[in-house]
Amino acid sequence: MWLLRMLAKLLLPFLFKKMVSKAQEKFKTSYNQQTFGGQQQYRSEPRNNGKISIDFIPPKDKEARAADKAGDFIDFEEVK
C-alpha cells in the first residue's frame, strides 16, 4: 500500500501535465481550423493604427428611422 501511494505521488502529476498539454494542443488545432479554415490568412495591406475603416453600413429600417424622429424620452418614476 505504501509503495502504491509513493508511485501515485510520483506518476500522477506527470500524467496530469501530459493530459492537459494534449488537451491544449487539441483545442489549438480545432480553433485554428475553425477560424482560419485550416490555412493562415494574412491581410495584404498593413493596417494603420488609430484609423477606422468602415466596409459596410447596413440600411436603417423604417421603425428605426421613426424612433430617431420621435423626440426625447424622459425616464420617470411614478410617486404615489
N, C-alpha and C. Protein backbone atom coordinates (compact mmCIF):
# COMPACT_ATOMS: atom_id res chain seq x y z
N MET A 1 0.82 -1.18 0.00
CA MET A 1 0.00 0.00 0.00
C MET A 1 0.87 1.26 0.00
N TRP A 2 1.94 1.20 0.82
CA TRP A 2 2.85 2.33 0.89
C TRP A 2 3.53 2.57 -0.46
N LEU A 3 3.93 1.50 -1.14
CA LEU A 3 4.58 1.58 -2.44
C LEU A 3 3.63 2.16 -3.48
N LEU A 4 2.40 1.75 -3.45
CA LEU A 4 1.40 2.27 -4.38
C LEU A 4 1.18 3.76 -4.16
N ARG A 5 1.14 4.19 -2.92
CA ARG A 5 0.97 5.61 -2.60
C ARG A 5 2.16 6.43 -3.10
N MET A 6 3.35 5.94 -2.95
CA MET A 6 4.55 6.66 -3.41
C MET A 6 4.58 6.75 -4.94
N LEU A 7 4.23 5.66 -5.60
CA LEU A 7 4.19 5.68 -7.06
C LEU A 7 3.13 6.66 -7.57
N ALA A 8 2.00 6.72 -6.90
CA ALA A 8 0.95 7.65 -7.30
C ALA A 8 1.41 9.09 -7.14
N LYS A 9 2.13 9.39 -6.05
CA LYS A 9 2.64 10.74 -5.84
C LYS A 9 3.64 11.14 -6.92
N LEU A 10 4.38 10.19 -7.43
CA LEU A 10 5.39 10.49 -8.45
C LEU A 10 4.79 10.54 -9.86
N LEU A 11 3.90 9.61 -10.17
CA LEU A 11 3.41 9.48 -11.54
C LEU A 11 2.19 10.33 -11.88
N LEU A 12 1.29 10.53 -10.93
CA LEU A 12 0.06 11.26 -11.24
C LEU A 12 0.30 12.71 -11.71
N PRO A 13 1.18 13.49 -11.06
CA PRO A 13 1.41 14.85 -11.59
C PRO A 13 1.94 14.84 -13.02
N PHE A 14 2.82 13.91 -13.32
CA PHE A 14 3.36 13.81 -14.68
C PHE A 14 2.25 13.46 -15.67
N LEU A 15 1.39 12.51 -15.31
CA LEU A 15 0.30 12.11 -16.20
C LEU A 15 -0.70 13.24 -16.41
N PHE A 16 -1.01 13.98 -15.35
CA PHE A 16 -1.94 15.10 -15.48
C PHE A 16 -1.38 16.19 -16.37
N LYS A 17 -0.09 16.51 -16.22
CA LYS A 17 0.53 17.54 -17.06
C LYS A 17 0.49 17.13 -18.53
N LYS A 18 0.78 15.87 -18.77
CA LYS A 18 0.76 15.37 -20.15
C LYS A 18 -0.65 15.42 -20.73
N MET A 19 -1.64 15.05 -19.92
CA MET A 19 -3.03 15.06 -20.38
C MET A 19 -3.50 16.49 -20.67
N VAL A 20 -3.12 17.44 -19.83
CA VAL A 20 -3.52 18.83 -20.03
C VAL A 20 -2.85 19.40 -21.28
N SER A 21 -1.59 19.09 -21.49
CA SER A 21 -0.90 19.62 -22.68
C SER A 21 -1.50 19.04 -23.96
N LYS A 22 -1.91 17.77 -23.95
CA LYS A 22 -2.57 17.19 -25.12
C LYS A 22 -3.90 17.87 -25.39
N ALA A 23 -4.66 18.16 -24.33
CA ALA A 23 -5.95 18.83 -24.49
C ALA A 23 -5.75 20.24 -25.04
N GLN A 24 -4.70 20.93 -24.59
CA GLN A 24 -4.41 22.27 -25.09
C GLN A 24 -4.07 22.24 -26.58
N GLU A 25 -3.24 21.31 -26.98
CA GLU A 25 -2.88 21.19 -28.39
C GLU A 25 -4.10 20.87 -29.25
N LYS A 26 -4.95 20.00 -28.76
CA LYS A 26 -6.16 19.63 -29.50
C LYS A 26 -7.07 20.85 -29.66
N PHE A 27 -7.20 21.64 -28.59
CA PHE A 27 -8.02 22.84 -28.65
C PHE A 27 -7.44 23.85 -29.63
N LYS A 28 -6.12 24.04 -29.61
CA LYS A 28 -5.48 24.99 -30.52
C LYS A 28 -5.69 24.60 -31.97
N THR A 29 -5.53 23.32 -32.29
CA THR A 29 -5.69 22.89 -33.68
C THR A 29 -7.14 23.02 -34.13
N SER A 30 -8.09 22.67 -33.26
CA SER A 30 -9.50 22.78 -33.66
C SER A 30 -9.90 24.25 -33.78
N TYR A 31 -9.37 25.12 -32.93
CA TYR A 31 -9.68 26.55 -33.01
C TYR A 31 -9.10 27.14 -34.29
N ASN A 32 -7.87 26.79 -34.62
CA ASN A 32 -7.26 27.31 -35.85
C ASN A 32 -8.00 26.82 -37.09
N GLN A 33 -8.47 25.60 -37.08
CA GLN A 33 -9.21 25.09 -38.23
C GLN A 33 -10.54 25.79 -38.38
N GLN A 34 -11.19 26.12 -37.28
CA GLN A 34 -12.49 26.79 -37.35
C GLN A 34 -12.34 28.23 -37.79
N THR A 35 -11.36 28.94 -37.26
CA THR A 35 -11.24 30.37 -37.55
C THR A 35 -10.57 30.64 -38.89
N PHE A 36 -9.60 29.86 -39.25
CA PHE A 36 -8.86 30.13 -40.48
C PHE A 36 -9.13 29.13 -41.58
N GLY A 37 -10.00 28.18 -41.36
CA GLY A 37 -10.29 27.18 -42.38
C GLY A 37 -9.10 26.29 -42.67
N GLY A 38 -8.24 26.12 -41.69
CA GLY A 38 -7.07 25.27 -41.87
C GLY A 38 -5.89 25.99 -42.50
N GLN A 39 -6.08 27.25 -42.89
CA GLN A 39 -5.00 28.00 -43.52
C GLN A 39 -4.82 29.31 -42.77
N GLN A 40 -3.60 29.78 -42.74
CA GLN A 40 -3.34 31.09 -42.15
C GLN A 40 -3.69 32.16 -43.18
N GLN A 41 -4.50 33.10 -42.77
CA GLN A 41 -4.89 34.18 -43.67
C GLN A 41 -4.31 35.48 -43.14
N TYR A 42 -3.58 36.15 -43.97
CA TYR A 42 -2.98 37.42 -43.58
C TYR A 42 -3.48 38.49 -44.53
N ARG A 43 -3.62 39.70 -44.04
CA ARG A 43 -4.01 40.81 -44.88
C ARG A 43 -2.82 41.24 -45.75
N SER A 44 -3.11 41.55 -46.98
CA SER A 44 -2.04 42.00 -47.85
C SER A 44 -1.69 43.46 -47.57
N GLU A 45 -2.66 44.22 -47.02
CA GLU A 45 -2.42 45.62 -46.71
C GLU A 45 -2.09 45.76 -45.22
N PRO A 46 -1.09 46.53 -44.89
CA PRO A 46 -0.85 46.75 -43.47
C PRO A 46 -1.93 47.66 -42.88
N ARG A 47 -2.35 47.38 -41.67
CA ARG A 47 -3.39 48.19 -41.02
C ARG A 47 -2.72 49.37 -40.34
N ASN A 48 -3.33 50.53 -40.48
CA ASN A 48 -2.83 51.72 -39.81
C ASN A 48 -3.50 51.83 -38.45
N ASN A 49 -2.69 51.94 -37.42
CA ASN A 49 -3.24 52.06 -36.07
C ASN A 49 -3.86 53.43 -35.89
N GLY A 50 -5.03 53.47 -35.27
CA GLY A 50 -5.69 54.74 -34.99
C GLY A 50 -6.64 55.18 -36.06
N LYS A 51 -6.70 54.51 -37.19
CA LYS A 51 -7.62 54.88 -38.26
C LYS A 51 -8.74 53.86 -38.33
N ILE A 52 -9.93 54.35 -38.62
CA ILE A 52 -11.10 53.49 -38.70
C ILE A 52 -11.54 53.39 -40.15
N SER A 53 -11.79 52.17 -40.59
CA SER A 53 -12.34 51.99 -41.92
C SER A 53 -13.63 51.19 -41.80
N ILE A 54 -14.69 51.68 -42.43
CA ILE A 54 -15.99 51.02 -42.38
C ILE A 54 -16.26 50.44 -43.75
N ASP A 55 -16.42 49.10 -43.80
CA ASP A 55 -16.64 48.43 -45.07
C ASP A 55 -18.11 48.43 -45.48
N PHE A 56 -19.02 48.32 -44.51
CA PHE A 56 -20.42 48.19 -44.83
C PHE A 56 -21.26 48.86 -43.75
N ILE A 57 -22.23 49.67 -44.16
CA ILE A 57 -23.18 50.28 -43.24
C ILE A 57 -24.55 49.73 -43.60
N PRO A 58 -25.17 48.97 -42.69
CA PRO A 58 -26.48 48.39 -43.02
C PRO A 58 -27.54 49.49 -43.10
N PRO A 59 -28.49 49.33 -44.00
CA PRO A 59 -29.55 50.34 -44.12
C PRO A 59 -30.48 50.28 -42.90
N LYS A 60 -30.98 51.45 -42.50
CA LYS A 60 -31.90 51.50 -41.38
C LYS A 60 -33.30 51.13 -41.86
N ASP A 61 -34.01 50.36 -41.05
CA ASP A 61 -35.37 50.05 -41.40
C ASP A 61 -36.29 51.20 -40.95
N LYS A 62 -37.55 51.18 -41.37
CA LYS A 62 -38.48 52.29 -41.15
C LYS A 62 -38.71 52.55 -39.67
N GLU A 63 -38.77 51.50 -38.86
CA GLU A 63 -39.03 51.69 -37.43
C GLU A 63 -37.88 52.42 -36.76
N ALA A 64 -36.66 52.13 -37.14
CA ALA A 64 -35.51 52.79 -36.54
C ALA A 64 -35.48 54.26 -36.93
N ARG A 65 -35.83 54.58 -38.18
CA ARG A 65 -35.87 55.98 -38.59
C ARG A 65 -36.98 56.74 -37.87
N ALA A 66 -38.12 56.08 -37.64
CA ALA A 66 -39.23 56.73 -36.94
C ALA A 66 -38.84 57.00 -35.48
N ALA A 67 -38.11 56.11 -34.87
CA ALA A 67 -37.68 56.31 -33.48
C ALA A 67 -36.69 57.47 -33.38
N ASP A 68 -35.87 57.68 -34.41
CA ASP A 68 -34.93 58.80 -34.38
C ASP A 68 -35.65 60.13 -34.41
N LYS A 69 -36.78 60.22 -35.08
CA LYS A 69 -37.53 61.47 -35.22
C LYS A 69 -38.56 61.67 -34.11
N ALA A 70 -38.75 60.70 -33.23
CA ALA A 70 -39.81 60.77 -32.23
C ALA A 70 -39.54 61.80 -31.14
N GLY A 71 -38.32 62.18 -30.91
CA GLY A 71 -38.02 63.19 -29.89
C GLY A 71 -37.30 62.59 -28.70
N ASP A 72 -37.21 63.38 -27.64
CA ASP A 72 -36.51 62.96 -26.44
C ASP A 72 -37.45 62.16 -25.54
N PHE A 73 -36.92 61.16 -24.92
CA PHE A 73 -37.68 60.36 -23.97
C PHE A 73 -37.09 60.60 -22.58
N ILE A 74 -37.96 60.79 -21.62
CA ILE A 74 -37.53 61.07 -20.25
C ILE A 74 -37.98 59.93 -19.36
N ASP A 75 -37.05 59.36 -18.64
CA ASP A 75 -37.38 58.31 -17.69
C ASP A 75 -37.93 58.96 -16.42
N PHE A 76 -38.97 58.41 -15.86
CA PHE A 76 -39.53 58.94 -14.64
C PHE A 76 -40.00 57.82 -13.75
N GLU A 77 -40.14 58.13 -12.49
CA GLU A 77 -40.70 57.20 -11.52
C GLU A 77 -42.05 57.71 -11.09
N GLU A 78 -43.00 56.82 -10.94
CA GLU A 78 -44.33 57.21 -10.51
C GLU A 78 -44.36 57.26 -8.99
N VAL A 79 -44.74 58.41 -8.45
CA VAL A 79 -44.79 58.59 -7.00
C VAL A 79 -46.24 58.55 -6.57
N LYS A 80 -46.56 57.72 -5.58
CA LYS A 80 -47.96 57.59 -5.13
C LYS A 80 -48.13 58.28 -3.80
